[in-house]
Amino acid sequence: MNGAGQPILLEIDALHVAAESRHRATPIVRGVTVSVREGETVCIVGETGSGKSMTMLAVMGLLPSPPMRVTSGAIRLRGRDLLQLGERELRSIRGREVAMIYQDPMSSLNPLLRVGEQVAEALEAHGVPRGEAYERTLELLGRVGIADPPRSAKSFPHEFSGGMRQRVMIGMALALSPRLLIADEPTTALDATIQQQIMALVRRMQDESGMTVVWITHDLGVVARLAQRVVVMYAGQVVEVGSVRRIFEAPEHPYTKGLLASLPRTTAERTRAPLAQIPGSPPEPASISAGCAFAPRCAHAFARCLEEAPPLEPRADGAAACWLGPGGTAP
């Protein structure tokens, strides 16, 4: 499914998240606005620290609090504002309507509990009887490619490889057939072959159930293989949104262009050019001042970029937050 013409499932509207201390509140997520349609696959990309995971943890209601706190904005799932719900209501939604696969399966699984117990626990927490939960656990382990489910269910996480542990996490996330699956860089610590298997597994599960997927990644190769639409984040803000084709063929924001230019090219050794890179480092949240956050690293920045932050405005089939004109032309 590509989500085209489907109703909006998830709507994040002007979301702000801050890290609070005794003396100040440091903005971490700054005015993020994103919408995701039913059946769509959206990839959120950006360097480490760009606010990707914090935005989605806010959707799940799982921000580390303290110190993180949503300071303003709205997060609507099928029109229902999740930020207005209590913890009890959020627990009923997690797993059943929206689920998350975390980046590190070893730290997400309890090392003291058998794998089958942990998958069954996710079902029992939503009222599935113990006997039925066990049967469904074996079925889920088989669906995600775990060999010999009855034996594997009795294993501990340390007895599984990284790829198998990630499959268990996917099984837990899909246990209650959620409408929205958030995958937070689930292939980062895996080798290339296992990465391909995990991505193929998520695609197959999506085709079978019609669920919506938000995939967080810094790997543009993953974006090209998975997504219909891309959200590019930098320094806690959305700087560009567009279809995969448009982002790869005609990016509008200098940061997006820099990410694409840094991809290695499969060319002959003699003609291979030096790998491009974005100069400098992402800013510390507390050091971001007025103006475009990317301006200190941007070769095209001019006076207005340093003085005034550009809004996210429509461009072609998406949007970009840049004072440069369409195609990167000077104003």
C-alpha atoms as a PDB file:
ATOM      1  CA  MET A   1       0.000   0.000   0.000  1.00  0.00           C
ATOM      2  CA  ASN A   2       1.200   3.539  -0.623  1.00  0.00           C
ATOM      3  CA  GLY A   3      -1.360   5.476   1.419  1.00  0.00           C
ATOM      4  CA  ALA A   4      -2.306   7.783  -1.470  1.00  0.00           C
ATOM      5  CA  GLY A   5      -5.822   9.114  -0.988  1.00  0.00           C
ATOM      6  CA  GLN A   6      -6.193   7.370   2.372  1.00  0.00           C
ATOM      7  CA  PRO A   7      -7.313   9.220   5.523  1.00  0.00           C
ATOM      8  CA  ILE A   8      -4.687  10.591   7.896  1.00  0.00           C
ATOM      9  CA  LEU A   9      -3.856   8.151  10.685  1.00  0.00           C
ATOM     10  CA  LEU A  10      -1.218  10.099  12.625  1.00  0.00           C
ATOM     11  CA  GLU A  11      -0.974  13.871  12.799  1.00  0.00           C
ATOM     12  CA  ILE A  12       1.813  15.625  14.723  1.00  0.00           C
ATOM     13  CA  ASP A  13       1.052  19.328  14.941  1.00  0.00           C
ATOM     14  CA  ALA A  14       3.638  21.950  16.020  1.00  0.00           C
ATOM     15  CA  LEU A  15       5.169  19.594  18.590  1.00  0.00           C
ATOM     16  CA  HIS A  16       7.703  21.028  21.048  1.00  0.00           C
ATOM     17  CA  VAL A  17       9.665  18.871  23.492  1.00  0.00           C
ATOM     18  CA  ALA A  18      12.113  20.309  26.017  1.00  0.00           C
ATOM     19  CA  ALA A  19      14.692  18.924  28.432  1.00  0.00           C
ATOM     20  CA  GLU A  20      14.043  20.658  31.725  1.00  0.00           C
ATOM     21  CA  SER A  21      16.541  21.322  34.476  1.00  0.00           C
ATOM     22  CA  ARG A  22      16.402  23.456  37.595  1.00  0.00           C
ATOM     23  CA  HIS A  23      17.541  26.534  35.714  1.00  0.00           C
ATOM     24  CA  ARG A  24      16.265  26.260  32.144  1.00  0.00           C
ATOM     25  CA  ALA A  25      14.294  24.313  29.533  1.00  0.00           C
ATOM     26  CA  THR A  26      16.349  23.330  26.488  1.00  0.00           C
ATOM     27  CA  PRO A  27      14.313  22.756  23.294  1.00  0.00           C
ATOM     28  CA  ILE A  28      14.938  19.289  21.817  1.00  0.00           C
ATOM     29  CA  VAL A  29      12.047  18.998  19.345  1.00  0.00           C
ATOM     30  CA  ARG A  30      11.091  22.380  17.878  1.00  0.00           C
ATOM     31  CA  GLY A  31       7.747  22.736  16.151  1.00  0.00           C
ATOM     32  CA  VAL A  32       7.608  19.409  14.316  1.00  0.00           C
ATOM     33  CA  THR A  33       4.577  18.997  12.052  1.00  0.00           C
ATOM     34  CA  VAL A  34       4.133  15.654  10.253  1.00  0.00           C
ATOM     35  CA  SER A  35       1.130  13.709   8.976  1.00  0.00           C
ATOM     36  CA  VAL A  36       1.035  10.032   8.021  1.00  0.00           C
ATOM     37  CA  ARG A  37      -1.754   8.379   6.040  1.00  0.00           C
ATOM     38  CA  GLU A  38      -3.289   4.943   6.482  1.00  0.00           C
ATOM     39  CA  GLY A  39      -1.152   2.247   4.845  1.00  0.00           C
ATOM     40  CA  GLU A  40       1.737   4.612   4.119  1.00  0.00           C
ATOM     41  CA  THR A  41       5.434   4.036   4.827  1.00  0.00           C
ATOM     42  CA  VAL A  42       7.200   7.219   5.920  1.00  0.00           C
ATOM     43  CA  CYS A  43      10.916   7.392   6.704  1.00  0.00           C
ATOM     44  CA  ILE A  44      12.256  10.030   9.094  1.00  0.00           C
ATOM     45  CA  VAL A  45      15.939  10.698   8.384  1.00  0.00           C
ATOM     46  CA  GLY A  46      18.643  12.851   9.891  1.00  0.00           C
ATOM     47  CA  GLU A  47      21.894  12.734  11.814  1.00  0.00           C
ATOM     48  CA  THR A  48      22.108  11.533  15.397  1.00  0.00           C
ATOM     49  CA  GLY A  49      20.566  14.147  17.674  1.00  0.00           C
ATOM     50  CA  SER A  50      18.158  15.550  15.088  1.00  0.00           C
ATOM     51  CA  GLY A  51      15.105  14.714  17.226  1.00  0.00           C
ATOM     52  CA  LYS A  52      13.782  11.706  15.273  1.00  0.00           C
ATOM     53  CA  SER A  53      13.479   9.283  18.171  1.00  0.00           C
ATOM     54  CA  MET A  54      12.292  11.902  20.664  1.00  0.00           C
ATOM     55  CA  THR A  55       9.447  12.852  18.335  1.00  0.00           C
ATOM     56  CA  MET A  56       8.270   9.253  18.103  1.00  0.00           C
ATOM     57  CA  LEU A  57       8.747   8.591  21.827  1.00  0.00           C
ATOM     58  CA  ALA A  58       6.434  11.543  22.382  1.00  0.00           C
ATOM     59  CA  VAL A  59       3.873   9.808  20.137  1.00  0.00           C
ATOM     60  CA  MET A  60       4.158   6.687  22.304  1.00  0.00           C
ATOM     61  CA  GLY A  61       3.948   8.712  25.523  1.00  0.00           C
ATOM     62  CA  LEU A  62       7.306   7.249  26.556  1.00  0.00           C
ATOM     63  CA  LEU A  63       9.509  10.319  26.894  1.00  0.00           C
ATOM     64  CA  PRO A  64      12.039   9.927  29.726  1.00  0.00           C
ATOM     65  CA  SER A  65      10.340  12.178  32.284  1.00  0.00           C
ATOM     66  CA  PRO A  66      12.011  13.902  33.935  1.00  0.00           C
ATOM     67  CA  PRO A  67      13.747  15.641  32.223  1.00  0.00           C
ATOM     68  CA  MET A  68      11.895  15.435  28.866  1.00  0.00           C
ATOM     69  CA  ARG A  69       8.457  16.983  28.560  1.00  0.00           C
ATOM     70  CA  VAL A  70       6.081  18.005  25.780  1.00  0.00           C
ATOM     71  CA  THR A  71       5.696  21.764  26.181  1.00  0.00           C
ATOM     72  CA  SER A  72       3.189  22.432  23.393  1.00  0.00           C
ATOM     73  CA  GLY A  73       1.571  20.982  20.292  1.00  0.00           C
ATOM     74  CA  ALA A  74      -0.745  18.082  19.553  1.00  0.00           C
ATOM     75  CA  ILE A  75      -0.384  14.421  18.559  1.00  0.00           C
ATOM     76  CA  ARG A  76      -3.565  13.033  17.031  1.00  0.00           C
ATOM     77  CA  LEU A  77      -4.150   9.355  16.270  1.00  0.00           C
ATOM     78  CA  ARG A  78      -7.302   9.046  14.155  1.00  0.00           C
ATOM     79  CA  GLY A  79      -8.246  12.514  15.381  1.00  0.00           C
ATOM     80  CA  ARG A  80      -7.791  11.709  19.072  1.00  0.00           C
ATOM     81  CA  ASP A  81      -5.178  13.875  20.826  1.00  0.00           C
ATOM     82  CA  LEU A  82      -2.860  11.481  22.664  1.00  0.00           C
ATOM     83  CA  LEU A  83      -1.404  14.296  24.757  1.00  0.00           C
ATOM     84  CA  GLN A  84      -4.778  14.757  26.468  1.00  0.00           C
ATOM     85  CA  LEU A  85      -4.993  11.113  27.610  1.00  0.00           C
ATOM     86  CA  GLY A  86      -4.023   9.688  30.985  1.00  0.00           C
ATOM     87  CA  GLU A  87      -1.487   6.908  31.455  1.00  0.00           C
ATOM     88  CA  ARG A  88      -4.180   4.233  31.746  1.00  0.00           C
ATOM     89  CA  GLU A  89      -5.716   5.233  28.402  1.00  0.00           C
ATOM     90  CA  LEU A  90      -2.278   5.380  26.765  1.00  0.00           C
ATOM     91  CA  ARG A  91      -1.495   1.854  27.939  1.00  0.00           C
ATOM     92  CA  SER A  92      -4.618   0.575  26.217  1.00  0.00           C
ATOM     93  CA  ILE A  93      -3.476   2.234  22.972  1.00  0.00           C
ATOM     94  CA  ARG A  94       0.170   1.081  23.081  1.00  0.00           C
ATOM     95  CA  GLY A  95       0.463  -2.287  21.418  1.00  0.00           C
ATOM     96  CA  ARG A  96      -3.144  -2.414  20.261  1.00  0.00           C
ATOM     97  CA  GLU A  97      -3.224   0.705  18.056  1.00  0.00           C
ATOM     98  CA  VAL A  98       0.388   1.849  17.894  1.00  0.00           C
ATOM     99  CA  ALA A  99       3.538  -0.172  18.599  1.00  0.00           C
ATOM    100  CA  MET A 100       7.266   0.497  18.473  1.00  0.00           C
ATOM    101  CA  ILE A 101      10.339  -1.560  17.579  1.00  0.00           C
ATOM    102  CA  TYR A 102      13.313  -0.190  19.471  1.00  0.00           C
ATOM    103  CA  GLN A 103      16.857   0.302  18.253  1.00  0.00           C
ATOM    104  CA  ASP A 104      18.631  -2.155  20.571  1.00  0.00           C
ATOM    105  CA  PRO A 105      16.736  -5.414  21.106  1.00  0.00           C
ATOM    106  CA  MET A 106      19.195  -6.652  23.743  1.00  0.00           C
ATOM    107  CA  SER A 107      18.418  -3.754  26.079  1.00  0.00           C
ATOM    108  CA  SER A 108      14.692  -3.917  25.256  1.00  0.00           C
ATOM    109  CA  LEU A 109      14.277  -7.603  26.129  1.00  0.00           C
ATOM    110  CA  ASN A 110      14.424  -8.712  29.768  1.00  0.00           C
ATOM    111  CA  PRO A 111      17.506 -10.971  30.064  1.00  0.00           C
ATOM    112  CA  LEU A 112      15.928 -12.845  33.021  1.00  0.00           C
ATOM    113  CA  LEU A 113      12.749 -13.915  31.215  1.00  0.00           C
ATOM    114  CA  ARG A 114      12.372 -16.488  28.462  1.00  0.00           C
ATOM    115  CA  VAL A 115      11.537 -15.130  25.040  1.00  0.00           C
ATOM    116  CA  GLY A 116       8.107 -16.752  24.904  1.00  0.00           C
ATOM    117  CA  GLU A 117       7.140 -15.298  28.285  1.00  0.00           C
ATOM    118  CA  GLN A 118       7.932 -11.784  27.075  1.00  0.00           C
ATOM    119  CA  VAL A 119       5.888 -12.083  23.884  1.00  0.00           C
ATOM    120  CA  ALA A 120       2.966 -13.620  25.797  1.00  0.00           C
ATOM    121  CA  GLU A 121       3.171 -10.841  28.392  1.00  0.00           C
ATOM    122  CA  ALA A 122       2.434  -8.257  25.680  1.00  0.00           C
ATOM    123  CA  LEU A 123      -0.742 -10.164  24.832  1.00  0.00           C
ATOM    124  CA  GLU A 124      -1.825 -10.805  28.417  1.00  0.00           C
ATOM    125  CA  ALA A 125      -1.443  -7.100  29.238  1.00  0.00           C
ATOM    126  CA  HIS A 126      -4.327  -6.482  26.826  1.00  0.00           C
ATOM    127  CA  GLY A 127      -6.611  -9.146  28.261  1.00  0.00           C
ATOM    128  CA  VAL A 128      -5.684 -12.231  26.205  1.00  0.00           C
ATOM    129  CA  PRO A 129      -6.044 -15.364  28.390  1.00  0.00           C
ATOM    130  CA  ARG A 130      -2.759 -17.105  29.274  1.00  0.00           C
ATOM    131  CA  GLY A 131      -3.412 -20.275  27.289  1.00  0.00           C
ATOM    132  CA  GLU A 132      -4.430 -18.356  24.173  1.00  0.00           C
ATOM    133  CA  ALA A 133      -1.483 -15.981  24.626  1.00  0.00           C
ATOM    134  CA  TYR A 134       0.937 -18.929  24.583  1.00  0.00           C
ATOM    135  CA  GLU A 135      -0.584 -20.358  21.382  1.00  0.00           C
ATOM    136  CA  ARG A 136      -0.476 -16.951  19.699  1.00  0.00           C
ATOM    137  CA  THR A 137       3.123 -16.504  20.854  1.00  0.00           C
ATOM    138  CA  LEU A 138       4.190 -19.655  19.038  1.00  0.00           C
ATOM    139  CA  GLU A 139       2.297 -18.501  15.948  1.00  0.00           C
ATOM    140  CA  LEU A 140       3.963 -15.057  16.073  1.00  0.00           C
ATOM    141  CA  LEU A 141       7.458 -16.515  16.467  1.00  0.00           C
ATOM    142  CA  GLY A 142       6.838 -18.665  13.420  1.00  0.00           C
ATOM    143  CA  ARG A 143       5.519 -15.713  11.391  1.00  0.00           C
ATOM    144  CA  VAL A 144       8.636 -13.647  12.042  1.00  0.00           C
ATOM    145  CA  GLY A 145      10.927 -16.472  10.975  1.00  0.00           C
ATOM    146  CA  ILE A 146      12.038 -17.953  14.315  1.00  0.00           C
ATOM    147  CA  ALA A 147      12.807 -21.650  13.775  1.00  0.00           C
ATOM    148  CA  ASP A 148      11.160 -24.290  16.010  1.00  0.00           C
ATOM    149  CA  PRO A 149       8.887 -21.893  17.978  1.00  0.00           C
ATOM    150  CA  PRO A 150       8.127 -24.291  20.892  1.00  0.00           C
ATOM    151  CA  ARG A 151      11.838 -24.725  21.630  1.00  0.00           C
ATOM    152  CA  SER A 152      12.792 -21.117  20.855  1.00  0.00           C
ATOM    153  CA  ALA A 153      10.063 -19.772  23.166  1.00  0.00           C
ATOM    154  CA  LYS A 154      11.896 -21.417  26.092  1.00  0.00           C
ATOM    155  CA  SER A 155      15.210 -19.710  25.245  1.00  0.00           C
ATOM    156  CA  PHE A 156      16.632 -16.622  26.929  1.00  0.00           C
ATOM    157  CA  PRO A 157      17.528 -13.521  24.866  1.00  0.00           C
ATOM    158  CA  HIS A 158      21.296 -14.093  25.196  1.00  0.00           C
ATOM    159  CA  GLU A 159      20.875 -17.421  23.387  1.00  0.00           C
ATOM    160  CA  PHE A 160      19.621 -15.600  20.271  1.00  0.00           C
ATOM    161  CA  SER A 161      21.632 -13.735  17.657  1.00  0.00           C
ATOM    162  CA  GLY A 162      21.044 -10.004  17.108  1.00  0.00           C
ATOM    163  CA  GLY A 163      18.843 -10.711  14.098  1.00  0.00           C
ATOM    164  CA  MET A 164      16.741 -13.246  16.011  1.00  0.00           C
ATOM    165  CA  ARG A 165      16.294 -10.861  18.940  1.00  0.00           C
ATOM    166  CA  GLN A 166      15.102  -8.175  16.546  1.00  0.00           C
ATOM    167  CA  ARG A 167      12.617 -10.655  15.063  1.00  0.00           C
ATOM    168  CA  VAL A 168      11.292 -11.286  18.570  1.00  0.00           C
ATOM    169  CA  MET A 169      10.846  -7.532  19.052  1.00  0.00           C
ATOM    170  CA  ILE A 170       8.939  -7.344  15.770  1.00  0.00           C
ATOM    171  CA  GLY A 171       6.746 -10.234  16.904  1.00  0.00           C
ATOM    172  CA  MET A 172       5.981  -8.440  20.174  1.00  0.00           C
ATOM    173  CA  ALA A 173       5.187  -5.208  18.330  1.00  0.00           C
ATOM    174  CA  LEU A 174       2.830  -6.978  15.933  1.00  0.00           C
ATOM    175  CA  ALA A 175       1.205  -9.222  18.537  1.00  0.00           C
ATOM    176  CA  LEU A 176      -2.031  -7.203  18.631  1.00  0.00           C
ATOM    177  CA  SER A 177      -2.052  -6.131  14.955  1.00  0.00           C
ATOM    178  CA  PRO A 178      -1.517  -2.379  15.545  1.00  0.00           C
ATOM    179  CA  ARG A 179      -2.570   0.127  12.887  1.00  0.00           C
ATOM    180  CA  LEU A 180       0.714   2.050  13.260  1.00  0.00           C
ATOM    181  CA  LEU A 181       4.191   0.544  13.637  1.00  0.00           C
ATOM    182  CA  ILE A 182       7.111   2.805  14.565  1.00  0.00           C
ATOM    183  CA  ALA A 183      10.514   1.260  13.804  1.00  0.00           C
ATOM    184  CA  ASP A 184      13.368   3.130  15.505  1.00  0.00           C
ATOM    185  CA  GLU A 185      16.489   2.199  13.494  1.00  0.00           C
ATOM    186  CA  PRO A 186      15.838  -1.528  14.026  1.00  0.00           C
ATOM    187  CA  THR A 187      18.610  -2.611  11.629  1.00  0.00           C
ATOM    188  CA  THR A 188      21.416  -0.329  12.864  1.00  0.00           C
ATOM    189  CA  ALA A 189      23.433  -2.966  14.759  1.00  0.00           C
ATOM    190  CA  LEU A 190      22.860  -5.768  12.235  1.00  0.00           C
ATOM    191  CA  ASP A 191      24.981  -6.882   9.300  1.00  0.00           C
ATOM    192  CA  ALA A 192      23.851  -6.186   5.744  1.00  0.00           C
ATOM    193  CA  THR A 193      22.285  -9.604   5.115  1.00  0.00           C
ATOM    194  CA  ILE A 194      20.231  -9.528   8.329  1.00  0.00           C
ATOM    195  CA  GLN A 195      19.223  -5.907   7.593  1.00  0.00           C
ATOM    196  CA  GLN A 196      17.733  -7.029   4.290  1.00  0.00           C
ATOM    197  CA  GLN A 197      15.864  -9.867   5.994  1.00  0.00           C
ATOM    198  CA  ILE A 198      14.404  -7.567   8.680  1.00  0.00           C
ATOM    199  CA  MET A 199      13.275  -4.985   6.096  1.00  0.00           C
ATOM    200  CA  ALA A 200      11.713  -7.723   3.954  1.00  0.00           C
ATOM    201  CA  LEU A 201       9.936  -9.083   7.039  1.00  0.00           C
ATOM    202  CA  VAL A 202       8.426  -5.680   7.925  1.00  0.00           C
ATOM    203  CA  ARG A 203       7.333  -5.164   4.307  1.00  0.00           C
ATOM    204  CA  ARG A 204       5.676  -8.577   4.240  1.00  0.00           C
ATOM    205  CA  MET A 205       3.874  -7.934   7.516  1.00  0.00           C
ATOM    206  CA  GLN A 206       2.699  -4.571   6.202  1.00  0.00           C
ATOM    207  CA  ASP A 207       1.381  -6.152   2.995  1.00  0.00           C
ATOM    208  CA  GLU A 208      -0.492  -8.782   5.015  1.00  0.00           C
ATOM    209  CA  SER A 209      -2.120  -6.411   7.502  1.00  0.00           C
ATOM    210  CA  GLY A 210      -2.214  -3.045   5.714  1.00  0.00           C
ATOM    211  CA  MET A 211      -0.611  -1.317   8.698  1.00  0.00           C
ATOM    212  CA  THR A 212       1.101   2.063   8.536  1.00  0.00           C
ATOM    213  CA  VAL A 213       4.872   2.224   9.140  1.00  0.00           C
ATOM    214  CA  VAL A 214       7.062   5.094  10.350  1.00  0.00           C
ATOM    215  CA  TRP A 215      10.710   4.081   9.969  1.00  0.00           C
ATOM    216  CA  ILE A 216      13.386   6.135  11.738  1.00  0.00           C
ATOM    217  CA  THR A 217      16.812   5.878  10.126  1.00  0.00           C
ATOM    218  CA  HIS A 218      19.986   7.702   9.154  1.00  0.00           C
ATOM    219  CA  ASP A 219      20.572   5.291   6.257  1.00  0.00           C
ATOM    220  CA  LEU A 220      19.298   6.715   2.957  1.00  0.00           C
ATOM    221  CA  GLY A 221      19.696   3.291   1.369  1.00  0.00           C
ATOM    222  CA  VAL A 222      16.944   2.058   3.695  1.00  0.00           C
ATOM    223  CA  VAL A 223      14.791   5.020   2.637  1.00  0.00           C
ATOM    224  CA  ALA A 224      15.112   4.141  -1.055  1.00  0.00           C
ATOM    225  CA  ARG A 225      13.998   0.556  -0.441  1.00  0.00           C
ATOM    226  CA  LEU A 226      11.150   1.136   2.004  1.00  0.00           C
ATOM    227  CA  ALA A 227       9.421   4.493   1.891  1.00  0.00           C
ATOM    228  CA  GLN A 228       6.873   6.339  -0.203  1.00  0.00           C
ATOM    229  CA  ARG A 229       7.574   9.621   1.599  1.00  0.00           C
ATOM    230  CA  VAL A 230      10.551  11.111   3.455  1.00  0.00           C
ATOM    231  CA  VAL A 231      10.718  13.543   6.370  1.00  0.00           C
ATOM    232  CA  VAL A 232      14.170  15.109   6.842  1.00  0.00           C
ATOM    233  CA  MET A 233      14.937  16.429  10.332  1.00  0.00           C
ATOM    234  CA  TYR A 234      17.775  18.626  11.547  1.00  0.00           C
ATOM    235  CA  ALA A 235      18.353  20.100  15.012  1.00  0.00           C
ATOM    236  CA  GLY A 236      14.875  19.150  16.217  1.00  0.00           C
ATOM    237  CA  GLN A 237      13.024  20.568  13.208  1.00  0.00           C
ATOM    238  CA  VAL A 238      11.582  19.275   9.958  1.00  0.00           C
ATOM    239  CA  VAL A 239      13.615  20.860   7.154  1.00  0.00           C
ATOM    240  CA  GLU A 240      12.173  18.985   4.152  1.00  0.00           C
ATOM    241  CA  VAL A 241       9.306  16.656   3.263  1.00  0.00           C
ATOM    242  CA  GLY A 242       8.689  14.963  -0.072  1.00  0.00           C
ATOM    243  CA  SER A 243       8.187  11.782  -2.039  1.00  0.00           C
ATOM    244  CA  VAL A 244      11.159   9.434  -2.244  1.00  0.00           C
ATOM    245  CA  ARG A 245      11.604  10.139  -5.947  1.00  0.00           C
ATOM    246  CA  ARG A 246      11.561  13.899  -5.505  1.00  0.00           C
ATOM    247  CA  ILE A 247      13.918  13.831  -2.522  1.00  0.00           C
ATOM    248  CA  PHE A 248      16.454  11.697  -4.384  1.00  0.00           C
ATOM    249  CA  GLU A 249      16.145  13.425  -7.755  1.00  0.00           C
ATOM    250  CA  ALA A 250      15.554  17.080  -6.819  1.00  0.00           C
ATOM    251  CA  PRO A 251      16.147  17.826  -3.114  1.00  0.00           C
ATOM    252  CA  GLU A 252      15.390  21.410  -2.081  1.00  0.00           C
ATOM    253  CA  HIS A 253      17.196  21.854   1.232  1.00  0.00           C
ATOM    254  CA  PRO A 254      21.014  22.107   1.353  1.00  0.00           C
ATOM    255  CA  TYR A 255      21.071  19.637   4.272  1.00  0.00           C
ATOM    256  CA  THR A 256      19.164  17.031   2.245  1.00  0.00           C
ATOM    257  CA  LYS A 257      21.549  17.613  -0.658  1.00  0.00           C
ATOM    258  CA  GLY A 258      24.490  17.112   1.670  1.00  0.00           C
ATOM    259  CA  LEU A 259      23.098  13.822   2.989  1.00  0.00           C
ATOM    260  CA  LEU A 260      22.611  12.528  -0.549  1.00  0.00           C
ATOM    261  CA  ALA A 261      26.040  13.720  -1.692  1.00  0.00           C
ATOM    262  CA  SER A 262      27.652  11.786   1.156  1.00  0.00           C
ATOM    263  CA  LEU A 263      26.307   8.458  -0.136  1.00  0.00           C
ATOM    264  CA  PRO A 264      29.069   6.250  -1.605  1.00  0.00           C
ATOM    265  CA  ARG A 265      28.814   5.715  -5.361  1.00  0.00           C
ATOM    266  CA  THR A 266      29.275   2.354  -7.061  1.00  0.00           C
ATOM    267  CA  THR A 267      31.793   3.437  -9.695  1.00  0.00           C
ATOM    268  CA  ALA A 268      35.073   2.057 -10.967  1.00  0.00           C
ATOM    269  CA  GLU A 269      38.000   2.486  -8.558  1.00  0.00           C
ATOM    270  CA  ARG A 270      39.963   4.710 -10.951  1.00  0.00           C
ATOM    271  CA  THR A 271      37.147   7.249 -11.329  1.00  0.00           C
ATOM    272  CA  ARG A 272      35.842   7.173  -7.771  1.00  0.00           C
ATOM    273  CA  ALA A 273      35.703  10.720  -6.361  1.00  0.00           C
ATOM    274  CA  PRO A 274      36.436  11.493  -2.710  1.00  0.00           C
ATOM    275  CA  LEU A 275      33.404  10.959  -0.508  1.00  0.00           C
ATOM    276  CA  ALA A 276      31.595  14.246   0.075  1.00  0.00           C
ATOM    277  CA  GLN A 277      30.820  15.334   3.614  1.00  0.00           C
ATOM    278  CA  ILE A 278      28.824  17.986   5.414  1.00  0.00           C
ATOM    279  CA  PRO A 279      31.306  20.269   7.198  1.00  0.00           C
ATOM    280  CA  GLY A 280      31.079  20.757  10.946  1.00  0.00           C
ATOM    281  CA  SER A 281      28.815  18.984  13.414  1.00  0.00           C
ATOM    282  CA  PRO A 282      25.145  19.231  14.385  1.00  0.00           C
ATOM    283  CA  PRO A 283      24.584  21.989  16.962  1.00  0.00           C
ATOM    284  CA  GLU A 284      24.041  21.350  20.641  1.00  0.00           C
ATOM    285  CA  PRO A 285      20.374  22.053  21.443  1.00  0.00           C
ATOM    286  CA  ALA A 286      21.268  24.741  23.975  1.00  0.00           C
ATOM    287  CA  SER A 287      23.452  26.609  21.458  1.00  0.00           C
ATOM    288  CA  ILE A 288      20.832  27.057  18.696  1.00  0.00           C
ATOM    289  CA  SER A 289      20.063  30.738  18.288  1.00  0.00           C
ATOM    290  CA  ALA A 290      17.960  32.839  15.929  1.00  0.00           C
ATOM    291  CA  GLY A 291      18.138  32.003  12.258  1.00  0.00           C
ATOM    292  CA  CYS A 292      18.439  28.732  10.382  1.00  0.00           C
ATOM    293  CA  ALA A 293      20.048  26.036  12.543  1.00  0.00           C
ATOM    294  CA  PHE A 294      21.883  24.648   9.492  1.00  0.00           C
ATOM    295  CA  ALA A 295      23.325  28.020   8.442  1.00  0.00           C
ATOM    296  CA  PRO A 296      26.754  27.553  10.141  1.00  0.00           C
ATOM    297  CA  ARG A 297      27.323  24.410   8.023  1.00  0.00           C
ATOM    298  CA  CYS A 298      25.682  25.645   4.816  1.00  0.00           C
ATOM    299  CA  ALA A 299      27.781  26.850   1.861  1.00  0.00           C
ATOM    300  CA  HIS A 300      24.817  28.865   0.530  1.00  0.00           C
ATOM    301  CA  ALA A 301      23.920  30.768   3.709  1.00  0.00           C
ATOM    302  CA  PHE A 302      23.461  34.543   3.448  1.00  0.00           C
ATOM    303  CA  ALA A 303      22.575  37.274   5.939  1.00  0.00           C
ATOM    304  CA  ARG A 304      18.891  36.434   6.337  1.00  0.00           C
ATOM    305  CA  CYS A 305      19.729  32.797   7.154  1.00  0.00           C
ATOM    306  CA  LEU A 306      21.633  33.955  10.241  1.00  0.00           C
ATOM    307  CA  GLU A 307      18.906  36.307  11.408  1.00  0.00           C
ATOM    308  CA  GLU A 308      15.580  34.580  10.791  1.00  0.00           C
ATOM    309  CA  ALA A 309      14.533  30.916  10.836  1.00  0.00           C
ATOM    310  CA  PRO A 310      12.779  29.919   7.583  1.00  0.00           C
ATOM    311  CA  PRO A 311       9.284  28.381   7.860  1.00  0.00           C
ATOM    312  CA  LEU A 312       8.414  25.021   6.328  1.00  0.00           C
ATOM    313  CA  GLU A 313       6.683  26.037   3.078  1.00  0.00           C
ATOM    314  CA  PRO A 314       5.232  24.036   0.154  1.00  0.00           C
ATOM    315  CA  ARG A 315       7.679  23.066  -2.601  1.00  0.00           C
ATOM    316  CA  ALA A 316       6.725  20.859  -5.575  1.00  0.00           C
ATOM    317  CA  ASP A 317       5.075  17.736  -4.042  1.00  0.00           C
ATOM    318  CA  GLY A 318       6.449  18.433  -0.563  1.00  0.00           C
ATOM    319  CA  ALA A 319       7.839  21.244   1.571  1.00  0.00           C
ATOM    320  CA  ALA A 320      11.179  22.741   2.603  1.00  0.00           C
ATOM    321  CA  ALA A 321      12.379  25.190   5.255  1.00  0.00           C
ATOM    322  CA  CYS A 322      14.952  27.260   3.385  1.00  0.00           C
ATOM    323  CA  TRP A 323      15.299  30.877   2.273  1.00  0.00           C
ATOM    324  CA  LEU A 324      16.811  29.742  -1.023  1.00  0.00           C
ATOM    325  CA  GLY A 325      14.351  29.600  -3.889  1.00  0.00           C
ATOM    326  CA  PRO A 326      13.183  26.441  -5.682  1.00  0.00           C
ATOM    327  CA  GLY A 327      16.104  24.345  -6.865  1.00  0.00           C
ATOM    328  CA  GLY A 328      18.488  26.173  -4.530  1.00  0.00           C
ATOM    329  CA  THR A 329      18.438  29.468  -6.403  1.00  0.00           C
ATOM    330  CA  ALA A 330      19.469  32.635  -4.595  1.00  0.00           C
ATOM    331  CA  PRO A 331      16.564  34.917  -3.624  1.00  0.00           C
END
